[in-house]
Amino acid sequence: QADISQWVALFAVTDINLATNKVKESGGTVFTPPT
């Protein structure tokens, strides 16, 4: 029921598992794992 609207940009990576691990290691947050 959340009232939301948002544009989301998609960044190209060559190894999504490595990139998501870098996000976590660098202090970011992974909300959904590679899908």
All heavy atoms as atom14 arrays in JSON, in Angstrom:
{
  "sequence": "QADISQWVALFAVTDINLATNKVKESGGTVFTPPT",
  "atom14_mask": [
    [1, 1, 1, 1, 1, 1, 1, 1, 1, 0, 0, 0, 0, 0],
    [1, 1, 1, 1, 1, 0, 0, 0, 0, 0, 0, 0, 0, 0],
    [1, 1, 1, 1, 1, 1, 1, 1, 0, 0, 0, 0, 0, 0],
    [1, 1, 1, 1, 1, 1, 1, 1, 0, 0, 0, 0, 0, 0],
    [1, 1, 1, 1, 1, 1, 0, 0, 0, 0, 0, 0, 0, 0],
    [1, 1, 1, 1, 1, 1, 1, 1, 1, 0, 0, 0, 0, 0],
    [1, 1, 1, 1, 1, 1, 1, 1, 1, 1, 1, 1, 1, 1],
    [1, 1, 1, 1, 1, 1, 1, 0, 0, 0, 0, 0, 0, 0],
    [1, 1, 1, 1, 1, 0, 0, 0, 0, 0, 0, 0, 0, 0],
    [1, 1, 1, 1, 1, 1, 1, 1, 0, 0, 0, 0, 0, 0],
    [1, 1, 1, 1, 1, 1, 1, 1, 1, 1, 1, 0, 0, 0],
    [1, 1, 1, 1, 1, 0, 0, 0, 0, 0, 0, 0, 0, 0],
    [1, 1, 1, 1, 1, 1, 1, 0, 0, 0, 0, 0, 0, 0],
    [1, 1, 1, 1, 1, 1, 1, 0, 0, 0, 0, 0, 0, 0],
    [1, 1, 1, 1, 1, 1, 1, 1, 0, 0, 0, 0, 0, 0],
    [1, 1, 1, 1, 1, 1, 1, 1, 0, 0, 0, 0, 0, 0],
    [1, 1, 1, 1, 1, 1, 1, 1, 0, 0, 0, 0, 0, 0],
    [1, 1, 1, 1, 1, 1, 1, 1, 0, 0, 0, 0, 0, 0],
    [1, 1, 1, 1, 1, 0, 0, 0, 0, 0, 0, 0, 0, 0],
    [1, 1, 1, 1, 1, 1, 1, 0, 0, 0, 0, 0, 0, 0],
    [1, 1, 1, 1, 1, 1, 1, 1, 0, 0, 0, 0, 0, 0],
    [1, 1, 1, 1, 1, 1, 1, 1, 1, 0, 0, 0, 0, 0],
    [1, 1, 1, 1, 1, 1, 1, 0, 0, 0, 0, 0, 0, 0],
    [1, 1, 1, 1, 1, 1, 1, 1, 1, 0, 0, 0, 0, 0],
    [1, 1, 1, 1, 1, 1, 1, 1, 1, 0, 0, 0, 0, 0],
    [1, 1, 1, 1, 1, 1, 0, 0, 0, 0, 0, 0, 0, 0],
    [1, 1, 1, 1, 0, 0, 0, 0, 0, 0, 0, 0, 0, 0],
    [1, 1, 1, 1, 0, 0, 0, 0, 0, 0, 0, 0, 0, 0],
    [1, 1, 1, 1, 1, 1, 1, 0, 0, 0, 0, 0, 0, 0],
    [1, 1, 1, 1, 1, 1, 1, 0, 0, 0, 0, 0, 0, 0],
    [1, 1, 1, 1, 1, 1, 1, 1, 1, 1, 1, 0, 0, 0],
    [1, 1, 1, 1, 1, 1, 1, 0, 0, 0, 0, 0, 0, 0],
    [1, 1, 1, 1, 1, 1, 1, 0, 0, 0, 0, 0, 0, 0],
    [1, 1, 1, 1, 1, 1, 1, 0, 0, 0, 0, 0, 0, 0],
    [1, 1, 1, 1, 1, 1, 1, 0, 0, 0, 0, 0, 0, 0]
  ],
  "atom14_positions": [
    [[0.83, -1.21, 0.0], [0.0, 0.0, 0.0], [0.86, 1.26, 0.0], [0.34, 2.37, 0.07], [-0.91, 0.0, 1.23], [-1.88, -1.17, 1.28], [-2.79, -1.21, 0.06], [-3.38, -0.2, -0.33], [-2.91, -2.38, -0.56], [0.0, 0.0, 0.0], [0.0, 0.0, 0.0], [0.0, 0.0, 0.0], [0.0, 0.0, 0.0], [0.0, 0.0, 0.0]],
    [[2.17, 1.1, -0.07], [3.07, 2.26, -0.04], [2.82, 3.17, -1.24], [2.63, 2.71, -2.36], [4.52, 1.79, -0.03], [0.0, 0.0, 0.0], [0.0, 0.0, 0.0], [0.0, 0.0, 0.0], [0.0, 0.0, 0.0], [0.0, 0.0, 0.0], [0.0, 0.0, 0.0], [0.0, 0.0, 0.0], [0.0, 0.0, 0.0], [0.0, 0.0, 0.0]],
    [[2.8, 4.47, -0.98], [2.6, 5.47, -2.04], [3.97, 5.94, -2.49], [4.58, 6.81, -1.87], [1.78, 6.64, -1.5], [1.59, 7.73, -2.54], [1.78, 7.44, -3.73], [1.27, 8.88, -2.16], [0.0, 0.0, 0.0], [0.0, 0.0, 0.0], [0.0, 0.0, 0.0], [0.0, 0.0, 0.0], [0.0, 0.0, 0.0], [0.0, 0.0, 0.0]],
    [[4.47, 5.33, -3.57], [5.84, 5.64, -3.99], [5.91, 5.89, -5.48], [5.07, 5.48, -6.25], [6.83, 4.49, -3.63], [6.5, 3.23, -4.43], [6.78, 4.16, -2.15], [7.26, 3.05, -5.68], [0.0, 0.0, 0.0], [0.0, 0.0, 0.0], [0.0, 0.0, 0.0], [0.0, 0.0, 0.0], [0.0, 0.0, 0.0], [0.0, 0.0, 0.0]],
    [[6.92, 6.59, -5.89], [7.25, 6.73, -7.31], [8.7, 7.15, -7.39], [9.13, 8.03, -6.63], [6.36, 7.79, -7.97], [6.51, 7.78, -9.36], [0.0, 0.0, 0.0], [0.0, 0.0, 0.0], [0.0, 0.0, 0.0], [0.0, 0.0, 0.0], [0.0, 0.0, 0.0], [0.0, 0.0, 0.0], [0.0, 0.0, 0.0], [0.0, 0.0, 0.0]],
    [[9.45, 6.53, -8.31], [10.9, 6.76, -8.31], [11.51, 6.27, -9.61], [11.13, 5.22, -10.13], [11.54, 5.98, -7.14], [13.03, 6.03, -7.05], [13.51, 7.18, -6.18], [12.71, 7.91, -5.62], [14.79, 7.31, -6.03], [0.0, 0.0, 0.0], [0.0, 0.0, 0.0], [0.0, 0.0, 0.0], [0.0, 0.0, 0.0], [0.0, 0.0, 0.0]],
    [[12.44, 7.04, -10.16], [13.28, 6.55, -11.24], [14.5, 5.85, -10.64], [15.07, 6.34, -9.65], [13.76, 7.7, -12.12], [12.73, 8.2, -13.09], [11.93, 9.3, -12.95], [12.41, 7.63, -14.36], [11.13, 9.45, -14.05], [11.4, 8.45, -14.94], [12.88, 6.53, -15.07], [10.86, 8.18, -16.19], [12.33, 6.25, -16.31], [11.33, 7.07, -16.86]],
    [[14.9, 4.73, -11.21], [16.05, 3.97, -10.74], [17.0, 3.74, -11.91], [16.59, 3.23, -12.96], [15.63, 2.61, -10.14], [16.87, 1.86, -9.63], [14.64, 2.82, -8.99], [0.0, 0.0, 0.0], [0.0, 0.0, 0.0], [0.0, 0.0, 0.0], [0.0, 0.0, 0.0], [0.0, 0.0, 0.0], [0.0, 0.0, 0.0], [0.0, 0.0, 0.0]],
    [[18.28, 4.11, -11.74], [19.29, 3.94, -12.78], [19.97, 2.59, -12.62], [20.28, 2.16, -11.5], [20.32, 5.06, -12.71], [0.0, 0.0, 0.0], [0.0, 0.0, 0.0], [0.0, 0.0, 0.0], [0.0, 0.0, 0.0], [0.0, 0.0, 0.0], [0.0, 0.0, 0.0], [0.0, 0.0, 0.0], [0.0, 0.0, 0.0], [0.0, 0.0, 0.0]],
    [[20.24, 1.92, -13.75], [20.91, 0.62, -13.75], [22.33, 0.79, -14.3], [22.52, 1.24, -15.42], [20.14, -0.38, -14.61], [18.97, -1.13, -13.95], [17.87, -0.15, -13.51], [18.39, -2.18, -14.89], [0.0, 0.0, 0.0], [0.0, 0.0, 0.0], [0.0, 0.0, 0.0], [0.0, 0.0, 0.0], [0.0, 0.0, 0.0], [0.0, 0.0, 0.0]],
    [[23.31, 0.38, -13.49], [24.73, 0.49, -13.81], [25.24, -0.86, -14.32], [25.04, -1.89, -13.67], [25.53, 0.87, -12.57], [25.34, 2.28, -12.09], [24.09, 2.71, -11.63], [26.39, 3.18, -12.07], [23.91, 4.01, -11.17], [26.22, 4.48, -11.61], [24.97, 4.89, -11.16], [0.0, 0.0, 0.0], [0.0, 0.0, 0.0], [0.0, 0.0, 0.0]],
    [[25.91, -0.85, -15.45], [26.46, -2.08, -16.0], [27.68, -2.55, -15.2], [28.54, -1.75, -14.84], [26.87, -1.87, -17.45], [0.0, 0.0, 0.0], [0.0, 0.0, 0.0], [0.0, 0.0, 0.0], [0.0, 0.0, 0.0], [0.0, 0.0, 0.0], [0.0, 0.0, 0.0], [0.0, 0.0, 0.0], [0.0, 0.0, 0.0], [0.0, 0.0, 0.0]],
    [[27.72, -3.86, -14.94], [28.89, -4.48, -14.32], [29.17, -5.78, -15.07], [28.29, -6.36, -15.69], [28.66, -4.78, -12.82], [28.52, -3.48, -12.02], [27.44, -5.67, -12.6], [0.0, 0.0, 0.0], [0.0, 0.0, 0.0], [0.0, 0.0, 0.0], [0.0, 0.0, 0.0], [0.0, 0.0, 0.0], [0.0, 0.0, 0.0], [0.0, 0.0, 0.0]],
    [[30.41, -6.24, -15.0], [30.77, -7.48, -15.69], [30.66, -8.7, -14.79], [30.54, -9.82, -15.28], [32.2, -7.39, -16.23], [33.08, -7.04, -15.17], [32.3, -6.35, -17.33], [0.0, 0.0, 0.0], [0.0, 0.0, 0.0], [0.0, 0.0, 0.0], [0.0, 0.0, 0.0], [0.0, 0.0, 0.0], [0.0, 0.0, 0.0], [0.0, 0.0, 0.0]],
    [[30.7, -8.49, -13.48], [30.58, -9.6, -12.52], [29.69, -9.1, -11.38], [30.16, -8.41, -10.48], [31.95, -10.0, -12.0], [31.91, -11.25, -11.11], [30.87, -11.47, -10.46], [32.92, -11.97, -11.06], [0.0, 0.0, 0.0], [0.0, 0.0, 0.0], [0.0, 0.0, 0.0], [0.0, 0.0, 0.0], [0.0, 0.0, 0.0], [0.0, 0.0, 0.0]],
    [[28.42, -9.43, -11.44], [27.48, -8.86, -10.48], [27.7, -9.39, -9.07], [27.46, -8.67, -8.09], [26.02, -9.11, -10.94], [25.07, -8.16, -10.18], [25.62, -10.56, -10.81], [23.7, -8.06, -10.79], [0.0, 0.0, 0.0], [0.0, 0.0, 0.0], [0.0, 0.0, 0.0], [0.0, 0.0, 0.0], [0.0, 0.0, 0.0], [0.0, 0.0, 0.0]],
    [[28.17, -10.6, -8.93], [28.45, -11.11, -7.59], [29.62, -10.35, -6.96], [29.56, -9.98, -5.78], [28.76, -12.61, -7.66], [27.54, -13.43, -8.02], [26.51, -13.35, -7.36], [27.65, -14.22, -9.08], [0.0, 0.0, 0.0], [0.0, 0.0, 0.0], [0.0, 0.0, 0.0], [0.0, 0.0, 0.0], [0.0, 0.0, 0.0], [0.0, 0.0, 0.0]],
    [[30.66, -10.11, -7.75], [31.79, -9.34, -7.25], [31.35, -7.92, -6.91], [31.73, -7.37, -5.87], [32.9, -9.3, -8.3], [34.14, -8.48, -7.95], [34.83, -9.04, -6.72], [35.11, -8.45, -9.14], [0.0, 0.0, 0.0], [0.0, 0.0, 0.0], [0.0, 0.0, 0.0], [0.0, 0.0, 0.0], [0.0, 0.0, 0.0], [0.0, 0.0, 0.0]],
    [[30.53, -7.32, -7.77], [30.09, -5.95, -7.54], [29.23, -5.82, -6.28], [29.4, -4.87, -5.5], [29.32, -5.43, -8.75], [0.0, 0.0, 0.0], [0.0, 0.0, 0.0], [0.0, 0.0, 0.0], [0.0, 0.0, 0.0], [0.0, 0.0, 0.0], [0.0, 0.0, 0.0], [0.0, 0.0, 0.0], [0.0, 0.0, 0.0], [0.0, 0.0, 0.0]],
    [[28.33, -6.76, -6.06], [27.49, -6.69, -4.85], [28.34, -6.9, -3.6], [28.09, -6.27, -2.56], [26.35, -7.71, -4.9], [26.87, -9.01, -5.2], [25.33, -7.33, -5.96], [0.0, 0.0, 0.0], [0.0, 0.0, 0.0], [0.0, 0.0, 0.0], [0.0, 0.0, 0.0], [0.0, 0.0, 0.0], [0.0, 0.0, 0.0], [0.0, 0.0, 0.0]],
    [[29.34, -7.76, -3.7], [30.24, -7.93, -2.55], [31.0, -6.64, -2.27], [31.21, -6.26, -1.11], [31.21, -9.08, -2.81], [30.56, -10.43, -2.72], [29.53, -10.59, -2.05], [31.12, -11.42, -3.39], [0.0, 0.0, 0.0], [0.0, 0.0, 0.0], [0.0, 0.0, 0.0], [0.0, 0.0, 0.0], [0.0, 0.0, 0.0], [0.0, 0.0, 0.0]],
    [[31.41, -5.94, -3.33], [32.1, -4.66, -3.15], [31.19, -3.64, -2.49], [31.63, -2.82, -1.68], [32.59, -4.14, -4.5], [33.79, -4.87, -5.08], [35.05, -4.53, -4.3], [36.28, -5.12, -4.96], [37.53, -4.79, -4.21], [0.0, 0.0, 0.0], [0.0, 0.0, 0.0], [0.0, 0.0, 0.0], [0.0, 0.0, 0.0], [0.0, 0.0, 0.0]],
    [[29.91, -3.65, -2.87], [28.94, -2.74, -2.24], [28.92, -2.96, -0.74], [29.0, -2.01, 0.05], [27.54, -2.93, -2.85], [26.49, -2.19, -2.01], [27.5, -2.44, -4.29], [0.0, 0.0, 0.0], [0.0, 0.0, 0.0], [0.0, 0.0, 0.0], [0.0, 0.0, 0.0], [0.0, 0.0, 0.0], [0.0, 0.0, 0.0], [0.0, 0.0, 0.0]],
    [[28.8, -4.22, -0.33], [28.75, -4.53, 1.11], [30.06, -4.18, 1.8], [30.06, -3.59, 2.88], [28.42, -6.02, 1.3], [26.99, -6.37, 0.94], [26.65, -7.81, 1.26], [27.29, -8.76, 0.29], [26.82, -10.17, 0.48], [0.0, 0.0, 0.0], [0.0, 0.0, 0.0], [0.0, 0.0, 0.0], [0.0, 0.0, 0.0], [0.0, 0.0, 0.0]],
    [[31.18, -4.56, 1.17], [32.49, -4.29, 1.79], [32.76, -2.79, 1.95], [33.47, -2.38, 2.87], [33.6, -4.92, 0.93], [33.59, -6.43, 0.91], [34.53, -6.99, -0.14], [35.22, -6.17, -0.8], [34.58, -8.22, -0.31], [0.0, 0.0, 0.0], [0.0, 0.0, 0.0], [0.0, 0.0, 0.0], [0.0, 0.0, 0.0], [0.0, 0.0, 0.0]],
    [[32.19, -1.99, 1.06], [32.44, -0.55, 1.06], [31.43, 0.23, 1.91], [31.46, 1.46, 1.92], [32.43, 0.0, -0.37], [33.41, -0.65, -1.15], [0.0, 0.0, 0.0], [0.0, 0.0, 0.0], [0.0, 0.0, 0.0], [0.0, 0.0, 0.0], [0.0, 0.0, 0.0], [0.0, 0.0, 0.0], [0.0, 0.0, 0.0], [0.0, 0.0, 0.0]],
    [[30.54, -0.48, 2.58], [29.59, 0.2, 3.47], [28.24, 0.45, 2.87], [27.39, 1.1, 3.49], [0.0, 0.0, 0.0], [0.0, 0.0, 0.0], [0.0, 0.0, 0.0], [0.0, 0.0, 0.0], [0.0, 0.0, 0.0], [0.0, 0.0, 0.0], [0.0, 0.0, 0.0], [0.0, 0.0, 0.0], [0.0, 0.0, 0.0], [0.0, 0.0, 0.0]],
    [[28.0, -0.04, 1.64], [26.68, 0.11, 1.04], [25.76, -1.01, 1.49], [26.09, -1.82, 2.35], [0.0, 0.0, 0.0], [0.0, 0.0, 0.0], [0.0, 0.0, 0.0], [0.0, 0.0, 0.0], [0.0, 0.0, 0.0], [0.0, 0.0, 0.0], [0.0, 0.0, 0.0], [0.0, 0.0, 0.0], [0.0, 0.0, 0.0], [0.0, 0.0, 0.0]],
    [[24.58, -1.06, 0.89], [23.57, -2.04, 1.26], [23.09, -2.79, 0.03], [22.81, -2.17, -1.0], [22.36, -1.36, 1.93], [22.81, -0.59, 3.04], [21.35, -2.39, 2.43], [0.0, 0.0, 0.0], [0.0, 0.0, 0.0], [0.0, 0.0, 0.0], [0.0, 0.0, 0.0], [0.0, 0.0, 0.0], [0.0, 0.0, 0.0], [0.0, 0.0, 0.0]],
    [[22.99, -4.1, 0.13], [22.43, -4.92, -0.93], [21.01, -5.3, -0.5], [20.83, -6.07, 0.44], [23.28, -6.17, -1.19], [22.62, -7.06, -2.25], [24.68, -5.79, -1.63], [0.0, 0.0, 0.0], [0.0, 0.0, 0.0], [0.0, 0.0, 0.0], [0.0, 0.0, 0.0], [0.0, 0.0, 0.0], [0.0, 0.0, 0.0], [0.0, 0.0, 0.0]],
    [[20.01, -4.74, -1.16], [18.62, -5.01, -0.8], [18.1, -6.26, -1.47], [17.26, -6.96, -0.91], [17.74, -3.81, -1.17], [18.0, -2.61, -0.31], [18.8, -1.59, -0.76], [17.45, -2.52, 0.96], [19.05, -0.48, 0.02], [17.71, -1.42, 1.76], [18.51, -0.39, 1.3], [0.0, 0.0, 0.0], [0.0, 0.0, 0.0], [0.0, 0.0, 0.0]],
    [[18.54, -6.55, -2.68], [18.19, -7.8, -3.33], [19.46, -8.39, -3.92], [20.22, -7.7, -4.59], [17.16, -7.61, -4.46], [17.69, -6.73, -5.45], [15.88, -7.01, -3.92], [0.0, 0.0, 0.0], [0.0, 0.0, 0.0], [0.0, 0.0, 0.0], [0.0, 0.0, 0.0], [0.0, 0.0, 0.0], [0.0, 0.0, 0.0], [0.0, 0.0, 0.0]],
    [[19.72, -9.65, -3.68], [20.92, -10.28, -4.26], [20.74, -10.43, -5.76], [19.65, -10.23, -6.3], [20.94, -11.65, -3.56], [19.5, -11.94, -3.25], [18.9, -10.6, -2.91], [0.0, 0.0, 0.0], [0.0, 0.0, 0.0], [0.0, 0.0, 0.0], [0.0, 0.0, 0.0], [0.0, 0.0, 0.0], [0.0, 0.0, 0.0], [0.0, 0.0, 0.0]],
    [[21.81, -10.77, -6.47], [21.7, -10.95, -7.92], [20.56, -11.9, -8.29], [20.47, -13.02, -7.77], [23.06, -11.52, -8.3], [23.99, -10.95, -7.27], [23.19, -10.94, -5.99], [0.0, 0.0, 0.0], [0.0, 0.0, 0.0], [0.0, 0.0, 0.0], [0.0, 0.0, 0.0], [0.0, 0.0, 0.0], [0.0, 0.0, 0.0], [0.0, 0.0, 0.0]],
    [[19.69, -11.43, -9.17], [18.47, -12.15, -9.55], [18.34, -12.15, -11.07], [18.52, -11.12, -11.71], [17.23, -11.47, -8.93], [17.38, -11.42, -7.51], [15.96, -12.23, -9.27], [0.0, 0.0, 0.0], [0.0, 0.0, 0.0], [0.0, 0.0, 0.0], [0.0, 0.0, 0.0], [0.0, 0.0, 0.0], [0.0, 0.0, 0.0], [0.0, 0.0, 0.0]]
  ]
}
